[in-house]
Amino acid sequence: AFDDYVSIEGKIQAGQRFYFQFLKDEQASRYVMEMGDGVRLIVTQKSLLYQYAQPGKYVIELKEIKGGLLHIIGTKKIKVK
């Protein structure tokens, strides 16, 4: 599940950056996050910053890269104020 792999730090507000922390993997380099706003993040470190431009509801999809293919690990619905 998404929450087993990633914790989100802080409030999520449009135009403000917030943190993701990867819990499982020190390198966290095997993951891709579809942010729900058309952005795909290739994860290269254990923590990363992101910011949504617009308020609304988004579904983040966490995927793992295995053998050149993407496998969905989980999704999380978030509300951006």
PDB file of N, CA and C in Angstrom:
ATOM      1  N   ALA A   1       0.843  -1.199   0.000  1.00  0.00           N
ATOM      2  CA  ALA A   1       0.000   0.000   0.000  1.00  0.00           C
ATOM      3  C   ALA A   1       0.880   1.252   0.000  1.00  0.00           C
ATOM      4  N   PHE A   2       0.326   2.313  -0.514  1.00  0.00           N
ATOM      5  CA  PHE A   2       1.057   3.564  -0.667  1.00  0.00           C
ATOM      6  C   PHE A   2       1.676   4.018   0.648  1.00  0.00           C
ATOM      7  N   ASP A   3       0.889   3.998   1.725  1.00  0.00           N
ATOM      8  CA  ASP A   3       1.363   4.537   3.002  1.00  0.00           C
ATOM      9  C   ASP A   3       2.474   3.711   3.634  1.00  0.00           C
ATOM     10  N   ASP A   4       2.645   2.481   3.195  1.00  0.00           N
ATOM     11  CA  ASP A   4       3.764   1.664   3.669  1.00  0.00           C
ATOM     12  C   ASP A   4       5.087   2.128   3.060  1.00  0.00           C
ATOM     13  N   TYR A   5       4.997   2.780   1.919  1.00  0.00           N
ATOM     14  CA  TYR A   5       6.198   3.169   1.181  1.00  0.00           C
ATOM     15  C   TYR A   5       6.545   4.642   1.344  1.00  0.00           C
ATOM     16  N   VAL A   6       5.526   5.480   1.453  1.00  0.00           N
ATOM     17  CA  VAL A   6       5.736   6.920   1.388  1.00  0.00           C
ATOM     18  C   VAL A   6       4.956   7.611   2.496  1.00  0.00           C
ATOM     19  N   SER A   7       5.609   8.541   3.190  1.00  0.00           N
ATOM     20  CA  SER A   7       4.853   9.425   4.076  1.00  0.00           C
ATOM     21  C   SER A   7       4.924  10.836   3.510  1.00  0.00           C
ATOM     22  N   ILE A   8       3.843  11.565   3.690  1.00  0.00           N
ATOM     23  CA  ILE A   8       3.758  12.939   3.212  1.00  0.00           C
ATOM     24  C   ILE A   8       3.840  13.860   4.422  1.00  0.00           C
ATOM     25  N   GLU A   9       4.757  14.807   4.361  1.00  0.00           N
ATOM     26  CA  GLU A   9       4.995  15.704   5.495  1.00  0.00           C
ATOM     27  C   GLU A   9       4.344  17.053   5.221  1.00  0.00           C
ATOM     28  N   GLY A  10       3.641  17.543   6.206  1.00  0.00           N
ATOM     29  CA  GLY A  10       3.126  18.905   6.115  1.00  0.00           C
ATOM     30  C   GLY A  10       1.799  18.989   5.385  1.00  0.00           C
ATOM     31  N   LYS A  11       1.230  20.178   5.430  1.00  0.00           N
ATOM     32  CA  LYS A  11      -0.035  20.431   4.757  1.00  0.00           C
ATOM     33  C   LYS A  11       0.220  20.594   3.273  1.00  0.00           C
ATOM     34  N   ILE A  12      -0.761  20.176   2.492  1.00  0.00           N
ATOM     35  CA  ILE A  12      -0.620  20.300   1.043  1.00  0.00           C
ATOM     36  C   ILE A  12      -1.501  21.454   0.584  1.00  0.00           C
ATOM     37  N   GLN A  13      -0.841  22.533   0.189  1.00  0.00           N
ATOM     38  CA  GLN A  13      -1.555  23.704  -0.281  1.00  0.00           C
ATOM     39  C   GLN A  13      -1.011  24.105  -1.633  1.00  0.00           C
ATOM     40  N   ALA A  14      -1.896  24.578  -2.490  1.00  0.00           N
ATOM     41  CA  ALA A  14      -1.489  24.994  -3.832  1.00  0.00           C
ATOM     42  C   ALA A  14      -0.407  26.054  -3.742  1.00  0.00           C
ATOM     43  N   GLY A  15       0.622  25.902  -4.559  1.00  0.00           N
ATOM     44  CA  GLY A  15       1.697  26.882  -4.610  1.00  0.00           C
ATOM     45  C   GLY A  15       2.715  26.745  -3.499  1.00  0.00           C
ATOM     46  N   GLN A  16       2.547  25.752  -2.617  1.00  0.00           N
ATOM     47  CA  GLN A  16       3.531  25.549  -1.552  1.00  0.00           C
ATOM     48  C   GLN A  16       4.121  24.157  -1.644  1.00  0.00           C
ATOM     49  N   ARG A  17       5.431  24.098  -1.438  1.00  0.00           N
ATOM     50  CA  ARG A  17       6.097  22.809  -1.553  1.00  0.00           C
ATOM     51  C   ARG A  17       5.871  21.974  -0.294  1.00  0.00           C
ATOM     52  N   PHE A  18       5.804  20.672  -0.500  1.00  0.00           N
ATOM     53  CA  PHE A  18       5.681  19.755   0.631  1.00  0.00           C
ATOM     54  C   PHE A  18       6.597  18.564   0.372  1.00  0.00           C
ATOM     55  N   TYR A  19       6.871  17.821   1.431  1.00  0.00           N
ATOM     56  CA  TYR A  19       7.835  16.724   1.361  1.00  0.00           C
ATOM     57  C   TYR A  19       7.173  15.364   1.224  1.00  0.00           C
ATOM     58  N   PHE A  20       7.808  14.517   0.448  1.00  0.00           N
ATOM     59  CA  PHE A  20       7.564  13.073   0.477  1.00  0.00           C
ATOM     60  C   PHE A  20       8.773  12.425   1.109  1.00  0.00           C
ATOM     61  N   GLN A  21       8.560  11.457   1.951  1.00  0.00           N
ATOM     62  CA  GLN A  21       9.659  10.686   2.528  1.00  0.00           C
ATOM     63  C   GLN A  21       9.440   9.218   2.171  1.00  0.00           C
ATOM     64  N   PHE A  22      10.445   8.601   1.555  1.00  0.00           N
ATOM     65  CA  PHE A  22      10.345   7.172   1.242  1.00  0.00           C
ATOM     66  C   PHE A  22      10.802   6.357   2.440  1.00  0.00           C
ATOM     67  N   LEU A  23      10.009   5.380   2.813  1.00  0.00           N
ATOM     68  CA  LEU A  23      10.227   4.648   4.053  1.00  0.00           C
ATOM     69  C   LEU A  23      10.973   3.341   3.840  1.00  0.00           C
ATOM     70  N   LYS A  24      10.824   2.730   2.667  1.00  0.00           N
ATOM     71  CA  LYS A  24      11.306   1.368   2.465  1.00  0.00           C
ATOM     72  C   LYS A  24      12.745   1.297   1.969  1.00  0.00           C
ATOM     73  N   ASP A  25      13.149   2.283   1.217  1.00  0.00           N
ATOM     74  CA  ASP A  25      14.331   2.131   0.366  1.00  0.00           C
ATOM     75  C   ASP A  25      15.235   3.343   0.534  1.00  0.00           C
ATOM     76  N   GLU A  26      16.456   3.109   0.969  1.00  0.00           N
ATOM     77  CA  GLU A  26      17.399   4.216   1.154  1.00  0.00           C
ATOM     78  C   GLU A  26      17.633   4.997  -0.136  1.00  0.00           C
ATOM     79  N   GLN A  27      17.785   4.269  -1.218  1.00  0.00           N
ATOM     80  CA  GLN A  27      18.058   4.923  -2.497  1.00  0.00           C
ATOM     81  C   GLN A  27      16.777   5.475  -3.115  1.00  0.00           C
ATOM     82  N   ALA A  28      15.689   4.699  -2.971  1.00  0.00           N
ATOM     83  CA  ALA A  28      14.382   5.069  -3.531  1.00  0.00           C
ATOM     84  C   ALA A  28      14.460   5.332  -5.031  1.00  0.00           C
ATOM     85  N   SER A  29      15.404   4.675  -5.678  1.00  0.00           N
ATOM     86  CA  SER A  29      15.640   4.999  -7.090  1.00  0.00           C
ATOM     87  C   SER A  29      14.871   4.083  -8.037  1.00  0.00           C
ATOM     88  N   ARG A  30      14.037   3.233  -7.486  1.00  0.00           N
ATOM     89  CA  ARG A  30      13.295   2.315  -8.355  1.00  0.00           C
ATOM     90  C   ARG A  30      11.844   2.735  -8.527  1.00  0.00           C
ATOM     91  N   TYR A  31      11.526   3.974  -8.155  1.00  0.00           N
ATOM     92  CA  TYR A  31      10.128   4.374  -8.110  1.00  0.00           C
ATOM     93  C   TYR A  31       9.809   5.525  -9.051  1.00  0.00           C
ATOM     94  N   VAL A  32       8.563   5.520  -9.485  1.00  0.00           N
ATOM     95  CA  VAL A  32       8.005   6.592 -10.295  1.00  0.00           C
ATOM     96  C   VAL A  32       6.711   7.009  -9.612  1.00  0.00           C
ATOM     97  N   MET A  33       6.465   8.291  -9.552  1.00  0.00           N
ATOM     98  CA  MET A  33       5.211   8.775  -8.986  1.00  0.00           C
ATOM     99  C   MET A  33       4.458   9.586 -10.029  1.00  0.00           C
ATOM    100  N   GLU A  34       3.240   9.147 -10.310  1.00  0.00           N
ATOM    101  CA  GLU A  34       2.335   9.922 -11.163  1.00  0.00           C
ATOM    102  C   GLU A  34       1.560  10.833 -10.226  1.00  0.00           C
ATOM    103  N   MET A  35       1.718  12.130 -10.381  1.00  0.00           N
ATOM    104  CA  MET A  35       1.229  13.064  -9.380  1.00  0.00           C
ATOM    105  C   MET A  35      -0.248  13.423  -9.535  1.00  0.00           C
ATOM    106  N   GLY A  36      -0.873  12.976 -10.599  1.00  0.00           N
ATOM    107  CA  GLY A  36      -2.299  13.216 -10.783  1.00  0.00           C
ATOM    108  C   GLY A  36      -2.615  14.523 -11.477  1.00  0.00           C
ATOM    109  N   ASP A  37      -1.575  15.296 -11.763  1.00  0.00           N
ATOM    110  CA  ASP A  37      -1.761  16.573 -12.468  1.00  0.00           C
ATOM    111  C   ASP A  37      -1.021  16.556 -13.805  1.00  0.00           C
ATOM    112  N   GLY A  38      -0.733  15.357 -14.276  1.00  0.00           N
ATOM    113  CA  GLY A  38      -0.016  15.227 -15.547  1.00  0.00           C
ATOM    114  C   GLY A  38       1.490  15.132 -15.404  1.00  0.00           C
ATOM    115  N   VAL A  39       1.991  15.255 -14.177  1.00  0.00           N
ATOM    116  CA  VAL A  39       3.434  15.196 -13.938  1.00  0.00           C
ATOM    117  C   VAL A  39       3.823  13.791 -13.487  1.00  0.00           C
ATOM    118  N   ARG A  40       4.892  13.286 -14.089  1.00  0.00           N
ATOM    119  CA  ARG A  40       5.483  12.018 -13.657  1.00  0.00           C
ATOM    120  C   ARG A  40       6.839  12.323 -13.049  1.00  0.00           C
ATOM    121  N   LEU A  41       7.010  11.957 -11.782  1.00  0.00           N
ATOM    122  CA  LEU A  41       8.286  12.160 -11.111  1.00  0.00           C
ATOM    123  C   LEU A  41       9.076  10.863 -11.121  1.00  0.00           C
ATOM    124  N   ILE A  42      10.308  10.943 -11.564  1.00  0.00           N
ATOM    125  CA  ILE A  42      11.233   9.823 -11.435  1.00  0.00           C
ATOM    126  C   ILE A  42      11.960  10.055 -10.107  1.00  0.00           C
ATOM    127  N   VAL A  43      11.790   9.137  -9.187  1.00  0.00           N
ATOM    128  CA  VAL A  43      12.330   9.329  -7.842  1.00  0.00           C
ATOM    129  C   VAL A  43      13.801   8.938  -7.824  1.00  0.00           C
ATOM    130  N   THR A  44      14.652   9.849  -7.351  1.00  0.00           N
ATOM    131  CA  THR A  44      16.090   9.573  -7.330  1.00  0.00           C
ATOM    132  C   THR A  44      16.681   9.708  -5.938  1.00  0.00           C
ATOM    133  N   GLN A  45      15.859  10.036  -4.956  1.00  0.00           N
ATOM    134  CA  GLN A  45      16.377  10.167  -3.596  1.00  0.00           C
ATOM    135  C   GLN A  45      15.289   9.825  -2.599  1.00  0.00           C
ATOM    136  N   LYS A  46      15.714   9.722  -1.355  1.00  0.00           N
ATOM    137  CA  LYS A  46      14.794   9.240  -0.322  1.00  0.00           C
ATOM    138  C   LYS A  46      13.700  10.238   0.023  1.00  0.00           C
ATOM    139  N   SER A  47      14.001  11.517  -0.087  1.00  0.00           N
ATOM    140  CA  SER A  47      12.959  12.513   0.159  1.00  0.00           C
ATOM    141  C   SER A  47      12.916  13.469  -1.028  1.00  0.00           C
ATOM    142  N   LEU A  48      11.717  13.968  -1.309  1.00  0.00           N
ATOM    143  CA  LEU A  48      11.619  14.903  -2.406  1.00  0.00           C
ATOM    144  C   LEU A  48      10.529  15.920  -2.125  1.00  0.00           C
ATOM    145  N   LEU A  49      10.635  17.031  -2.814  1.00  0.00           N
ATOM    146  CA  LEU A  49       9.686  18.125  -2.686  1.00  0.00           C
ATOM    147  C   LEU A  49       8.806  18.168  -3.919  1.00  0.00           C
ATOM    148  N   TYR A  50       7.559  18.574  -3.688  1.00  0.00           N
ATOM    149  CA  TYR A  50       6.664  18.768  -4.832  1.00  0.00           C
ATOM    150  C   TYR A  50       5.708  19.890  -4.489  1.00  0.00           C
ATOM    151  N   GLN A  51       5.140  20.475  -5.531  1.00  0.00           N
ATOM    152  CA  GLN A  51       4.151  21.513  -5.296  1.00  0.00           C
ATOM    153  C   GLN A  51       3.099  21.454  -6.391  1.00  0.00           C
ATOM    154  N   TYR A  52       1.848  21.538  -5.980  1.00  0.00           N
ATOM    155  CA  TYR A  52       0.730  21.606  -6.927  1.00  0.00           C
ATOM    156  C   TYR A  52       0.419  23.066  -7.217  1.00  0.00           C
ATOM    157  N   ALA A  53       0.184  23.365  -8.486  1.00  0.00           N
ATOM    158  CA  ALA A  53      -0.125  24.736  -8.878  1.00  0.00           C
ATOM    159  C   ALA A  53      -1.559  25.105  -8.513  1.00  0.00           C
ATOM    160  N   GLN A  54      -2.467  24.154  -8.637  1.00  0.00           N
ATOM    161  CA  GLN A  54      -3.891  24.430  -8.453  1.00  0.00           C
ATOM    162  C   GLN A  54      -4.476  23.621  -7.308  1.00  0.00           C
ATOM    163  N   PRO A  55      -5.442  24.201  -6.575  1.00  0.00           N
ATOM    164  CA  PRO A  55      -6.168  23.410  -5.588  1.00  0.00           C
ATOM    165  C   PRO A  55      -7.026  22.350  -6.286  1.00  0.00           C
ATOM    166  N   GLY A  56      -7.384  21.334  -5.546  1.00  0.00           N
ATOM    167  CA  GLY A  56      -8.241  20.299  -6.112  1.00  0.00           C
ATOM    168  C   GLY A  56      -7.930  18.955  -5.495  1.00  0.00           C
ATOM    169  N   LYS A  57      -8.542  17.921  -6.060  1.00  0.00           N
ATOM    170  CA  LYS A  57      -8.302  16.561  -5.593  1.00  0.00           C
ATOM    171  C   LYS A  57      -7.439  15.845  -6.620  1.00  0.00           C
ATOM    172  N   TYR A  58      -6.436  15.151  -6.139  1.00  0.00           N
ATOM    173  CA  TYR A  58      -5.495  14.444  -7.000  1.00  0.00           C
ATOM    174  C   TYR A  58      -5.322  13.018  -6.493  1.00  0.00           C
ATOM    175  N   VAL A  59      -5.043  12.124  -7.422  1.00  0.00           N
ATOM    176  CA  VAL A  59      -4.691  10.757  -7.045  1.00  0.00           C
ATOM    177  C   VAL A  59      -3.239  10.529  -7.434  1.00  0.00           C
ATOM    178  N   ILE A  60      -2.410  10.240  -6.438  1.00  0.00           N
ATOM    179  CA  ILE A  60      -0.997   9.949  -6.688  1.00  0.00           C
ATOM    180  C   ILE A  60      -0.855   8.443  -6.860  1.00  0.00           C
ATOM    181  N   GLU A  61      -0.185   8.042  -7.920  1.00  0.00           N
ATOM    182  CA  GLU A  61       0.101   6.624  -8.143  1.00  0.00           C
ATOM    183  C   GLU A  61       1.585   6.380  -7.933  1.00  0.00           C
ATOM    184  N   LEU A  62       1.884   5.432  -7.075  1.00  0.00           N
ATOM    185  CA  LEU A  62       3.270   5.035  -6.841  1.00  0.00           C
ATOM    186  C   LEU A  62       3.541   3.769  -7.630  1.00  0.00           C
ATOM    187  N   LYS A  63       4.588   3.791  -8.439  1.00  0.00           N
ATOM    188  CA  LYS A  63       4.938   2.640  -9.264  1.00  0.00           C
ATOM    189  C   LYS A  63       6.389   2.271  -9.013  1.00  0.00           C
ATOM    190  N   GLU A  64       6.667   1.004  -9.151  1.00  0.00           N
ATOM    191  CA  GLU A  64       8.040   0.513  -9.017  1.00  0.00           C
ATOM    192  C   GLU A  64       8.514   0.041 -10.379  1.00  0.00           C
ATOM    193  N   ILE A  65       9.779   0.323 -10.658  1.00  0.00           N
ATOM    194  CA  ILE A  65      10.379  -0.128 -11.915  1.00  0.00           C
ATOM    195  C   ILE A  65      11.037  -1.479 -11.661  1.00  0.00           C
ATOM    196  N   LYS A  66      10.549  -2.485 -12.349  1.00  0.00           N
ATOM    197  CA  LYS A  66      11.134  -3.825 -12.237  1.00  0.00           C
ATOM    198  C   LYS A  66      11.299  -4.405 -13.625  1.00  0.00           C
ATOM    199  N   GLY A  67      12.517  -4.760 -13.948  1.00  0.00           N
ATOM    200  CA  GLY A  67      12.780  -5.356 -15.261  1.00  0.00           C
ATOM    201  C   GLY A  67      12.324  -4.477 -16.407  1.00  0.00           C
ATOM    202  N   GLY A  68      12.444  -3.186 -16.223  1.00  0.00           N
ATOM    203  CA  GLY A  68      12.075  -2.258 -17.284  1.00  0.00           C
ATOM    204  C   GLY A  68      10.583  -1.977 -17.371  1.00  0.00           C
ATOM    205  N   LEU A  69       9.786  -2.596 -16.511  1.00  0.00           N
ATOM    206  CA  LEU A  69       8.345  -2.382 -16.522  1.00  0.00           C
ATOM    207  C   LEU A  69       7.902  -1.666 -15.254  1.00  0.00           C
ATOM    208  N   LEU A  70       6.786  -0.954 -15.365  1.00  0.00           N
ATOM    209  CA  LEU A  70       6.228  -0.255 -14.209  1.00  0.00           C
ATOM    210  C   LEU A  70       5.129  -1.094 -13.568  1.00  0.00           C
ATOM    211  N   HIS A  71       5.232  -1.285 -12.273  1.00  0.00           N
ATOM    212  CA  HIS A  71       4.210  -2.006 -11.510  1.00  0.00           C
ATOM    213  C   HIS A  71       3.616  -1.063 -10.489  1.00  0.00           C
ATOM    214  N   ILE A  72       2.293  -0.966 -10.455  1.00  0.00           N
ATOM    215  CA  ILE A  72       1.650  -0.084  -9.479  1.00  0.00           C
ATOM    216  C   ILE A  72       1.729  -0.702  -8.091  1.00  0.00           C
ATOM    217  N   ILE A  73       2.232   0.070  -7.139  1.00  0.00           N
ATOM    218  CA  ILE A  73       2.288  -0.357  -5.740  1.00  0.00           C
ATOM    219  C   ILE A  73       1.022   0.086  -5.022  1.00  0.00           C
ATOM    220  N   GLY A  74       0.623   1.316  -5.248  1.00  0.00           N
ATOM    221  CA  GLY A  74      -0.571   1.813  -4.592  1.00  0.00           C
ATOM    222  C   GLY A  74      -0.884   3.230  -5.009  1.00  0.00           C
ATOM    223  N   THR A  75      -2.044   3.690  -4.566  1.00  0.00           N
ATOM    224  CA  THR A  75      -2.469   5.053  -4.874  1.00  0.00           C
ATOM    225  C   THR A  75      -2.867   5.756  -3.592  1.00  0.00           C
ATOM    226  N   LYS A  76      -2.853   7.073  -3.651  1.00  0.00           N
ATOM    227  CA  LYS A  76      -3.304   7.870  -2.512  1.00  0.00           C
ATOM    228  C   LYS A  76      -4.074   9.065  -3.046  1.00  0.00           C
ATOM    229  N   LYS A  77      -5.250   9.275  -2.499  1.00  0.00           N
ATOM    230  CA  LYS A  77      -6.044  10.453  -2.858  1.00  0.00           C
ATOM    231  C   LYS A  77      -5.664  11.572  -1.917  1.00  0.00           C
ATOM    232  N   ILE A  78      -5.380  12.724  -2.480  1.00  0.00           N
ATOM    233  CA  ILE A  78      -5.065  13.872  -1.642  1.00  0.00           C
ATOM    234  C   ILE A  78      -5.902  15.071  -2.076  1.00  0.00           C
ATOM    235  N   LYS A  79      -6.093  15.966  -1.124  1.00  0.00           N
ATOM    236  CA  LYS A  79      -6.840  17.182  -1.378  1.00  0.00           C
ATOM    237  C   LYS A  79      -5.887  18.352  -1.201  1.00  0.00           C
ATOM    238  N   VAL A  80      -5.795  19.181  -2.212  1.00  0.00           N
ATOM    239  CA  VAL A  80      -4.929  20.349  -2.179  1.00  0.00           C
ATOM    240  C   VAL A  80      -5.806  21.575  -1.958  1.00  0.00           C
ATOM    241  N   LYS A  81      -5.497  22.336  -0.930  1.00  0.00           N
ATOM    242  CA  LYS A  81      -6.313  23.511  -0.598  1.00  0.00           C
ATOM    243  C   LYS A  81      -5.797  24.759  -1.280  1.00  0.00           C
TER     244      LYS A  81
END
